[in-house]
C-alpha cells in the first residue's frame, strides 16, 4: 500500500470516508511542509524525517497517534472539538 486512494478503501462507511478525506485535506492545506509516507500500511506525516502523526482506521473510530509535542500544542482545540484523547 502506498497511496491515500488505496488506504481510503479501508474506511468502512461513506460518512467516515468523507470525514477522513476532509481531515487529510485540512492537514495538508494548513501544514504543507509535512510529508506523507506509508509505513506499516498506514499513512504517517513526517517533518524532516521526524514522526508527527499516524492514522489507523477501525470499524468505530479513527485512531490518530500524535507526537507528544504536537499533541500538547493542540490539546485545547481537540478538547473544544469534543474528541477523546489520551
PDB file of N, CA and C in Angstrom:
ATOM      1  N   UNK A   1       0.854  -1.174   0.000  1.00  0.00           N
ATOM      2  CA  UNK A   1       0.000   0.000   0.000  1.00  0.00           C
ATOM      3  C   UNK A   1       0.892   1.227   0.000  1.00  0.00           C
ATOM      4  N   UNK A   2       0.572   2.159  -0.881  1.00  0.00           N
ATOM      5  CA  UNK A   2       1.417   3.321  -0.950  1.00  0.00           C
ATOM      6  C   UNK A   2       0.712   4.594  -1.358  1.00  0.00           C
ATOM      7  N   UNK A   3      -0.621   4.591  -1.352  1.00  0.00           N
ATOM      8  CA  UNK A   3      -1.325   5.819  -1.711  1.00  0.00           C
ATOM      9  C   UNK A   3      -2.536   6.001  -0.806  1.00  0.00           C
ATOM     10  N   UNK A   4      -2.950   7.250  -0.679  1.00  0.00           N
ATOM     11  CA  UNK A   4      -4.153   7.521   0.109  1.00  0.00           C
ATOM     12  C   UNK A   4      -5.371   6.857  -0.514  1.00  0.00           C
ATOM     13  N   UNK A   5      -5.442   6.822  -1.842  1.00  0.00           N
ATOM     14  CA  UNK A   5      -6.594   6.204  -2.503  1.00  0.00           C
ATOM     15  C   UNK A   5      -6.735   4.742  -2.086  1.00  0.00           C
ATOM     16  N   UNK A   6      -5.625   4.022  -2.021  1.00  0.00           N
ATOM     17  CA  UNK A   6      -5.671   2.625  -1.576  1.00  0.00           C
ATOM     18  C   UNK A   6      -6.072   2.538  -0.106  1.00  0.00           C
ATOM     19  N   UNK A   7      -5.502   3.397   0.706  1.00  0.00           N
ATOM     20  CA  UNK A   7      -5.786   3.376   2.135  1.00  0.00           C
ATOM     21  C   UNK A   7      -7.239   3.747   2.411  1.00  0.00           C
ATOM     22  N   UNK A   8      -7.782   4.690   1.640  1.00  0.00           N
ATOM     23  CA  UNK A   8      -9.175   5.099   1.818  1.00  0.00           C
ATOM     24  C   UNK A   8     -10.128   3.914   1.655  1.00  0.00           C
ATOM     25  N   UNK A   9      -9.747   2.905   0.897  1.00  0.00           N
ATOM     26  CA  UNK A   9     -10.608   1.737   0.700  1.00  0.00           C
ATOM     27  C   UNK A   9     -10.824   0.965   1.999  1.00  0.00           C
ATOM     28  N   UNK A  10      -9.994   1.196   2.998  1.00  0.00           N
ATOM     29  CA  UNK A  10     -10.143   0.535   4.301  1.00  0.00           C
ATOM     30  C   UNK A  10     -11.154   1.240   5.203  1.00  0.00           C
ATOM     31  N   UNK A  11     -11.601   2.427   4.818  1.00  0.00           N
ATOM     32  CA  UNK A  11     -12.554   3.187   5.636  1.00  0.00           C
ATOM     33  C   UNK A  11     -13.932   2.544   5.457  1.00  0.00           C
ATOM     34  N   UNK A  12     -14.601   2.158   6.563  1.00  0.00           N
ATOM     35  CA  UNK A  12     -15.787   1.311   6.463  1.00  0.00           C
ATOM     36  C   UNK A  12     -17.065   1.947   5.911  1.00  0.00           C
ATOM     37  N   UNK A  13     -17.292   3.244   6.111  1.00  0.00           N
ATOM     38  CA  UNK A  13     -18.559   3.831   5.657  1.00  0.00           C
ATOM     39  C   UNK A  13     -18.306   5.102   4.856  1.00  0.00           C
ATOM     40  N   UNK A  14     -19.234   5.448   3.969  1.00  0.00           N
ATOM     41  CA  UNK A  14     -19.071   6.678   3.186  1.00  0.00           C
ATOM     42  C   UNK A  14     -18.956   7.933   4.050  1.00  0.00           C
ATOM     43  N   UNK A  15     -19.734   8.014   5.131  1.00  0.00           N
ATOM     44  CA  UNK A  15     -19.646   9.190   6.009  1.00  0.00           C
ATOM     45  C   UNK A  15     -18.268   9.295   6.654  1.00  0.00           C
ATOM     46  N   UNK A  16     -17.753   8.157   7.110  1.00  0.00           N
ATOM     47  CA  UNK A  16     -16.411   8.158   7.705  1.00  0.00           C
ATOM     48  C   UNK A  16     -15.365   8.541   6.667  1.00  0.00           C
ATOM     49  N   UNK A  17     -15.519   8.031   5.461  1.00  0.00           N
ATOM     50  CA  UNK A  17     -14.574   8.355   4.392  1.00  0.00           C
ATOM     51  C   UNK A  17     -14.570   9.853   4.112  1.00  0.00           C
ATOM     52  N   UNK A  18     -15.741  10.454   4.062  1.00  0.00           N
ATOM     53  CA  UNK A  18     -15.836  11.896   3.828  1.00  0.00           C
ATOM     54  C   UNK A  18     -15.102  12.674   4.913  1.00  0.00           C
ATOM     55  N   UNK A  19     -15.285  12.269   6.171  1.00  0.00           N
ATOM     56  CA  UNK A  19     -14.601  12.949   7.283  1.00  0.00           C
ATOM     57  C   UNK A  19     -13.085  12.782   7.196  1.00  0.00           C
ATOM     58  N   UNK A  20     -12.634  11.572   6.866  1.00  0.00           N
ATOM     59  CA  UNK A  20     -11.192  11.315   6.786  1.00  0.00           C
ATOM     60  C   UNK A  20     -10.577  12.085   5.616  1.00  0.00           C
ATOM     61  N   UNK A  21     -11.254  12.114   4.479  1.00  0.00           N
ATOM     62  CA  UNK A  21     -10.751  12.892   3.339  1.00  0.00           C
ATOM     63  C   UNK A  21     -10.650  14.368   3.705  1.00  0.00           C
ATOM     64  N   UNK A  22     -11.656  14.879   4.402  1.00  0.00           N
ATOM     65  CA  UNK A  22     -11.638  16.274   4.840  1.00  0.00           C
ATOM     66  C   UNK A  22     -10.496  16.520   5.820  1.00  0.00           C
ATOM     67  N   UNK A  23     -10.283  15.585   6.735  1.00  0.00           N
ATOM     68  CA  UNK A  23      -9.186  15.702   7.697  1.00  0.00           C
ATOM     69  C   UNK A  23      -7.841  15.813   6.980  1.00  0.00           C
ATOM     70  N   UNK A  24      -7.585  14.924   6.027  1.00  0.00           N
ATOM     71  CA  UNK A  24      -6.315  14.965   5.305  1.00  0.00           C
ATOM     72  C   UNK A  24      -6.184  16.237   4.470  1.00  0.00           C
ATOM     73  N   UNK A  25      -7.261  16.665   3.839  1.00  0.00           N
ATOM     74  CA  UNK A  25      -7.211  17.895   3.043  1.00  0.00           C
ATOM     75  C   UNK A  25      -6.878  19.092   3.927  1.00  0.00           C
ATOM     76  N   UNK A  26      -7.497  19.166   5.108  1.00  0.00           N
ATOM     77  CA  UNK A  26      -7.227  20.276   6.023  1.00  0.00           C
ATOM     78  C   UNK A  26      -5.801  20.249   6.552  1.00  0.00           C
ATOM     79  N   UNK A  27      -5.328  19.079   6.931  1.00  0.00           N
ATOM     80  CA  UNK A  27      -3.954  18.976   7.432  1.00  0.00           C
ATOM     81  C   UNK A  27      -2.970  19.399   6.351  1.00  0.00           C
ATOM     82  N   UNK A  28      -3.167  18.897   5.135  1.00  0.00           N
ATOM     83  CA  UNK A  28      -2.238  19.225   4.054  1.00  0.00           C
ATOM     84  C   UNK A  28      -2.313  20.699   3.665  1.00  0.00           C
ATOM     85  N   UNK A  29      -3.489  21.310   3.788  1.00  0.00           N
ATOM     86  CA  UNK A  29      -3.615  22.734   3.470  1.00  0.00           C
ATOM     87  C   UNK A  29      -2.947  23.603   4.537  1.00  0.00           C
ATOM     88  N   UNK A  30      -3.101  23.229   5.805  1.00  0.00           N
ATOM     89  CA  UNK A  30      -2.552  24.042   6.892  1.00  0.00           C
ATOM     90  C   UNK A  30      -1.073  23.777   7.160  1.00  0.00           C
ATOM     91  N   UNK A  31      -0.621  22.577   6.816  1.00  0.00           N
ATOM     92  CA  UNK A  31       0.767  22.197   7.104  1.00  0.00           C
ATOM     93  C   UNK A  31       1.401  21.549   5.872  1.00  0.00           C
ATOM     94  N   UNK A  32       1.565  22.315   4.796  1.00  0.00           N
ATOM     95  CA  UNK A  32       2.069  21.737   3.545  1.00  0.00           C
ATOM     96  C   UNK A  32       3.493  21.192   3.648  1.00  0.00           C
ATOM     97  N   UNK A  33       4.222  21.571   4.687  1.00  0.00           N
ATOM     98  CA  UNK A  33       5.589  21.084   4.843  1.00  0.00           C
ATOM     99  C   UNK A  33       5.631  19.624   5.298  1.00  0.00           C
ATOM    100  N   UNK A  34       4.522  19.096   5.804  1.00  0.00           N
ATOM    101  CA  UNK A  34       4.507  17.712   6.266  1.00  0.00           C
ATOM    102  C   UNK A  34       4.519  16.759   5.079  1.00  0.00           C
ATOM    103  N   UNK A  35       5.335  15.740   5.196  1.00  0.00           N
ATOM    104  CA  UNK A  35       5.485  14.753   4.124  1.00  0.00           C
ATOM    105  C   UNK A  35       4.636  13.527   4.459  1.00  0.00           C
ATOM    106  N   UNK A  36       3.820  13.097   3.498  1.00  0.00           N
ATOM    107  CA  UNK A  36       3.004  11.900   3.664  1.00  0.00           C
ATOM    108  C   UNK A  36       3.840  10.680   3.296  1.00  0.00           C
ATOM    109  N   UNK A  37       3.942   9.740   4.225  1.00  0.00           N
ATOM    110  CA  UNK A  37       4.671   8.493   3.996  1.00  0.00           C
ATOM    111  C   UNK A  37       3.796   7.336   4.453  1.00  0.00           C
ATOM    112  N   UNK A  38       4.018   6.162   3.866  1.00  0.00           N
ATOM    113  CA  UNK A  38       3.316   4.963   4.309  1.00  0.00           C
ATOM    114  C   UNK A  38       4.313   4.025   4.960  1.00  0.00           C
ATOM    115  N   UNK A  39       4.029   3.687   6.223  1.00  0.00           N
ATOM    116  CA  UNK A  39       4.841   2.733   6.968  1.00  0.00           C
ATOM    117  C   UNK A  39       3.881   1.794   7.682  1.00  0.00           C
ATOM    118  N   UNK A  40       4.168   0.509   7.618  1.00  0.00           N
ATOM    119  CA  UNK A  40       3.296  -0.496   8.218  1.00  0.00           C
ATOM    120  C   UNK A  40       1.868  -0.370   7.675  1.00  0.00           C
ATOM    121  N   UNK A  41       1.751  -0.065   6.390  1.00  0.00           N
ATOM    122  CA  UNK A  41       0.462   0.077   5.701  1.00  0.00           C
ATOM    123  C   UNK A  41      -0.422   1.171   6.281  1.00  0.00           C
ATOM    124  N   UNK A  42       0.184   2.161   6.901  1.00  0.00           N
ATOM    125  CA  UNK A  42      -0.568   3.271   7.476  1.00  0.00           C
ATOM    126  C   UNK A  42       0.039   4.593   7.031  1.00  0.00           C
ATOM    127  N   UNK A  43      -0.818   5.586   6.756  1.00  0.00           N
ATOM    128  CA  UNK A  43      -0.283   6.900   6.415  1.00  0.00           C
ATOM    129  C   UNK A  43       0.276   7.592   7.654  1.00  0.00           C
ATOM    130  N   UNK A  44       1.423   8.188   7.465  1.00  0.00           N
ATOM    131  CA  UNK A  44       2.070   8.945   8.537  1.00  0.00           C
ATOM    132  C   UNK A  44       2.555  10.258   7.965  1.00  0.00           C
ATOM    133  N   UNK A  45       2.507  11.272   8.770  1.00  0.00           N
ATOM    134  CA  UNK A  45       3.027  12.572   8.383  1.00  0.00           C
ATOM    135  C   UNK A  45       4.327  12.794   9.130  1.00  0.00           C
ATOM    136  N   UNK A  46       5.341  13.225   8.386  1.00  0.00           N
ATOM    137  CA  UNK A  46       6.647  13.481   8.985  1.00  0.00           C
ATOM    138  C   UNK A  46       7.109  14.882   8.608  1.00  0.00           C
ATOM    139  N   UNK A  47       8.052  15.382   9.381  1.00  0.00           N
ATOM    140  CA  UNK A  47       8.674  16.674   9.102  1.00  0.00           C
ATOM    141  C   UNK A  47      10.174  16.503   9.309  1.00  0.00           C
ATOM    142  N   UNK A  48      10.930  16.636   8.230  1.00  0.00           N
ATOM    143  CA  UNK A  48      12.381  16.441   8.270  1.00  0.00           C
ATOM    144  C   UNK A  48      12.742  15.082   8.874  1.00  0.00           C
ATOM    145  N   UNK A  49      11.967  14.059   8.516  1.00  0.00           N
ATOM    146  CA  UNK A  49      12.233  12.710   8.993  1.00  0.00           C
ATOM    147  C   UNK A  49      11.698  12.398  10.375  1.00  0.00           C
ATOM    148  N   UNK A  50      11.088  13.375  11.044  1.00  0.00           N
ATOM    149  CA  UNK A  50      10.539  13.168  12.386  1.00  0.00           C
ATOM    150  C   UNK A  50       9.055  12.834  12.300  1.00  0.00           C
ATOM    151  N   UNK A  51       8.646  11.758  12.957  1.00  0.00           N
ATOM    152  CA  UNK A  51       7.243  11.369  13.014  1.00  0.00           C
ATOM    153  C   UNK A  51       6.430  12.488  13.661  1.00  0.00           C
ATOM    154  N   UNK A  52       5.313  12.849  13.018  1.00  0.00           N
ATOM    155  CA  UNK A  52       4.401  13.855  13.566  1.00  0.00           C
ATOM    156  C   UNK A  52       3.044  13.218  13.888  1.00  0.00           C
ATOM    157  N   UNK A  53       2.450  12.506  12.910  1.00  0.00           N
ATOM    158  CA  UNK A  53       1.134  11.891  13.105  1.00  0.00           C
ATOM    159  C   UNK A  53       1.032  10.604  12.309  1.00  0.00           C
ATOM    160  N   UNK A  54       0.258   9.648  12.852  1.00  0.00           N
ATOM    161  CA  UNK A  54      -0.065   8.423  12.137  1.00  0.00           C
ATOM    162  C   UNK A  54      -1.551   8.128  12.295  1.00  0.00           C
ATOM    163  N   UNK A  55      -2.111   7.394  11.349  1.00  0.00           N
ATOM    164  CA  UNK A  55      -3.554   7.164  11.315  1.00  0.00           C
ATOM    165  C   UNK A  55      -3.852   5.684  11.117  1.00  0.00           C
ATOM    166  N   UNK A  56      -4.890   5.187  11.825  1.00  0.00           N
ATOM    167  CA  UNK A  56      -5.283   3.794  11.702  1.00  0.00           C
ATOM    168  C   UNK A  56      -6.798   3.684  11.879  1.00  0.00           C
ATOM    169  N   UNK A  57      -7.527   3.326  10.811  1.00  0.00           N
ATOM    170  CA  UNK A  57      -8.982   3.234  10.923  1.00  0.00           C
ATOM    171  C   UNK A  57      -9.416   1.907  11.540  1.00  0.00           C
ATOM    172  N   UNK A  58     -10.566   1.935  12.203  1.00  0.00           N
ATOM    173  CA  UNK A  58     -11.221   0.715  12.661  1.00  0.00           C
ATOM    174  C   UNK A  58     -12.708   0.872  12.373  1.00  0.00           C
ATOM    175  N   UNK A  59     -13.505  -0.102  12.766  1.00  0.00           N
ATOM    176  CA  UNK A  59     -14.933  -0.028  12.464  1.00  0.00           C
ATOM    177  C   UNK A  59     -15.611   1.182  13.076  1.00  0.00           C
ATOM    178  N   UNK A  60     -15.225   1.541  14.293  1.00  0.00           N
ATOM    179  CA  UNK A  60     -15.968   2.575  15.016  1.00  0.00           C
ATOM    180  C   UNK A  60     -15.215   3.872  15.248  1.00  0.00           C
ATOM    181  N   UNK A  61     -13.954   3.933  14.866  1.00  0.00           N
ATOM    182  CA  UNK A  61     -13.220   5.180  15.072  1.00  0.00           C
ATOM    183  C   UNK A  61     -11.959   5.220  14.208  1.00  0.00           C
ATOM    184  N   UNK A  62     -11.352   6.375  14.198  1.00  0.00           N
ATOM    185  CA  UNK A  62     -10.064   6.563  13.543  1.00  0.00           C
ATOM    186  C   UNK A  62      -9.055   6.868  14.642  1.00  0.00           C
ATOM    187  N   UNK A  63      -8.085   5.990  14.805  1.00  0.00           N
ATOM    188  CA  UNK A  63      -7.035   6.232  15.792  1.00  0.00           C
ATOM    189  C   UNK A  63      -5.989   7.148  15.166  1.00  0.00           C
ATOM    190  N   UNK A  64      -5.617   8.172  15.904  1.00  0.00           N
ATOM    191  CA  UNK A  64      -4.599   9.112  15.451  1.00  0.00           C
ATOM    192  C   UNK A  64      -3.503   9.145  16.509  1.00  0.00           C
ATOM    193  N   UNK A  65      -2.307   8.755  16.112  1.00  0.00           N
ATOM    194  CA  UNK A  65      -1.154   8.818  17.014  1.00  0.00           C
ATOM    195  C   UNK A  65      -0.407  10.107  16.706  1.00  0.00           C
ATOM    196  N   UNK A  66      -0.161  10.891  17.739  1.00  0.00           N
ATOM    197  CA  UNK A  66       0.448  12.207  17.547  1.00  0.00           C
ATOM    198  C   UNK A  66       1.709  12.314  18.391  1.00  0.00           C
ATOM    199  N   UNK A  67       2.739  12.867  17.803  1.00  0.00           N
ATOM    200  CA  UNK A  67       3.986  13.120  18.515  1.00  0.00           C
ATOM    201  C   UNK A  67       3.674  13.970  19.751  1.00  0.00           C
ATOM    202  N   UNK A  68       4.266  13.663  20.916  1.00  0.00           N
ATOM    203  CA  UNK A  68       3.890  14.339  22.167  1.00  0.00           C
ATOM    204  C   UNK A  68       3.914  15.869  22.117  1.00  0.00           C
ATOM    205  N   UNK A  69       4.933  16.477  21.534  1.00  0.00           N
ATOM    206  CA  UNK A  69       4.973  17.948  21.474  1.00  0.00           C
ATOM    207  C   UNK A  69       3.820  18.501  20.650  1.00  0.00           C
ATOM    208  N   UNK A  70       3.480  17.810  19.576  1.00  0.00           N
ATOM    209  CA  UNK A  70       2.362  18.236  18.736  1.00  0.00           C
ATOM    210  C   UNK A  70       1.055  18.103  19.507  1.00  0.00           C
ATOM    211  N   UNK A  71       0.887  17.001  20.202  1.00  0.00           N
ATOM    212  CA  UNK A  71      -0.324  16.771  20.989  1.00  0.00           C
ATOM    213  C   UNK A  71      -0.520  17.875  22.018  1.00  0.00           C
ATOM    214  N   UNK A  72       0.532  18.213  22.732  1.00  0.00           N
ATOM    215  CA  UNK A  72       0.453  19.264  23.750  1.00  0.00           C
ATOM    216  C   UNK A  72      -0.012  20.581  23.138  1.00  0.00           C
ATOM    217  N   UNK A  73       0.505  20.886  21.970  1.00  0.00           N
ATOM    218  CA  UNK A  73       0.149  22.150  21.311  1.00  0.00           C
ATOM    219  C   UNK A  73      -1.333  22.209  20.943  1.00  0.00           C
ATOM    220  N   UNK A  74      -1.912  21.064  20.559  1.00  0.00           N
ATOM    221  CA  UNK A  74      -3.273  21.076  20.029  1.00  0.00           C
ATOM    222  C   UNK A  74      -4.341  20.564  20.998  1.00  0.00           C
ATOM    223  N   UNK A  75      -3.992  20.247  22.235  1.00  0.00           N
ATOM    224  CA  UNK A  75      -4.993  19.756  23.190  1.00  0.00           C
ATOM    225  C   UNK A  75      -6.175  20.718  23.350  1.00  0.00           C
ATOM    226  N   UNK A  76      -5.979  22.036  23.450  1.00  0.00           N
ATOM    227  CA  UNK A  76      -7.155  22.916  23.579  1.00  0.00           C
ATOM    228  C   UNK A  76      -8.135  22.784  22.406  1.00  0.00           C
ATOM    229  N   UNK A  77      -7.624  22.694  21.185  1.00  0.00           N
ATOM    230  CA  UNK A  77      -8.514  22.550  20.029  1.00  0.00           C
ATOM    231  C   UNK A  77      -9.179  21.175  20.005  1.00  0.00           C
ATOM    232  N   UNK A  78      -8.446  20.144  20.402  1.00  0.00           N
ATOM    233  CA  UNK A  78      -9.006  18.791  20.442  1.00  0.00           C
ATOM    234  C   UNK A  78     -10.142  18.735  21.457  1.00  0.00           C
ATOM    235  N   UNK A  79      -9.919  19.307  22.636  1.00  0.00           N
ATOM    236  CA  UNK A  79     -10.966  19.355  23.663  1.00  0.00           C
ATOM    237  C   UNK A  79     -12.181  20.145  23.180  1.00  0.00           C
ATOM    238  N   UNK A  80     -11.935  21.292  22.576  1.00  0.00           N
ATOM    239  CA  UNK A  80     -13.024  22.143  22.096  1.00  0.00           C
ATOM    240  C   UNK A  80     -13.867  21.424  21.044  1.00  0.00           C
ATOM    241  N   UNK A  81     -13.215  20.612  20.208  1.00  0.00           N
ATOM    242  CA  UNK A  81     -13.931  19.878  19.167  1.00  0.00           C
ATOM    243  C   UNK A  81     -14.691  18.674  19.730  1.00  0.00           C
ATOM    244  N   UNK A  82     -14.414  18.326  20.993  1.00  0.00           N
ATOM    245  CA  UNK A  82     -15.143  17.235  21.626  1.00  0.00           C
ATOM    246  C   UNK A  82     -14.583  15.850  21.368  1.00  0.00           C
ATOM    247  N   UNK A  83     -13.343  15.769  20.913  1.00  0.00           N
ATOM    248  CA  UNK A  83     -12.729  14.470  20.657  1.00  0.00           C
ATOM    249  C   UNK A  83     -12.076  13.923  21.919  1.00  0.00           C
ATOM    250  N   UNK A  84     -12.093  12.589  22.047  1.00  0.00           N
ATOM    251  CA  UNK A  84     -11.395  11.929  23.149  1.00  0.00           C
ATOM    252  C   UNK A  84      -9.916  11.864  22.827  1.00  0.00           C
ATOM    253  N   UNK A  85      -9.095  11.900  23.860  1.00  0.00           N
ATOM    254  CA  UNK A  85      -7.652  11.747  23.663  1.00  0.00           C
ATOM    255  C   UNK A  85      -7.029  11.215  24.931  1.00  0.00           C
ATOM    256  N   UNK A  86      -5.871  10.649  24.767  1.00  0.00           N
ATOM    257  CA  UNK A  86      -5.129  10.166  25.939  1.00  0.00           C
ATOM    258  C   UNK A  86      -3.645  10.314  25.695  1.00  0.00           C
TER     259      UNK A  86
END
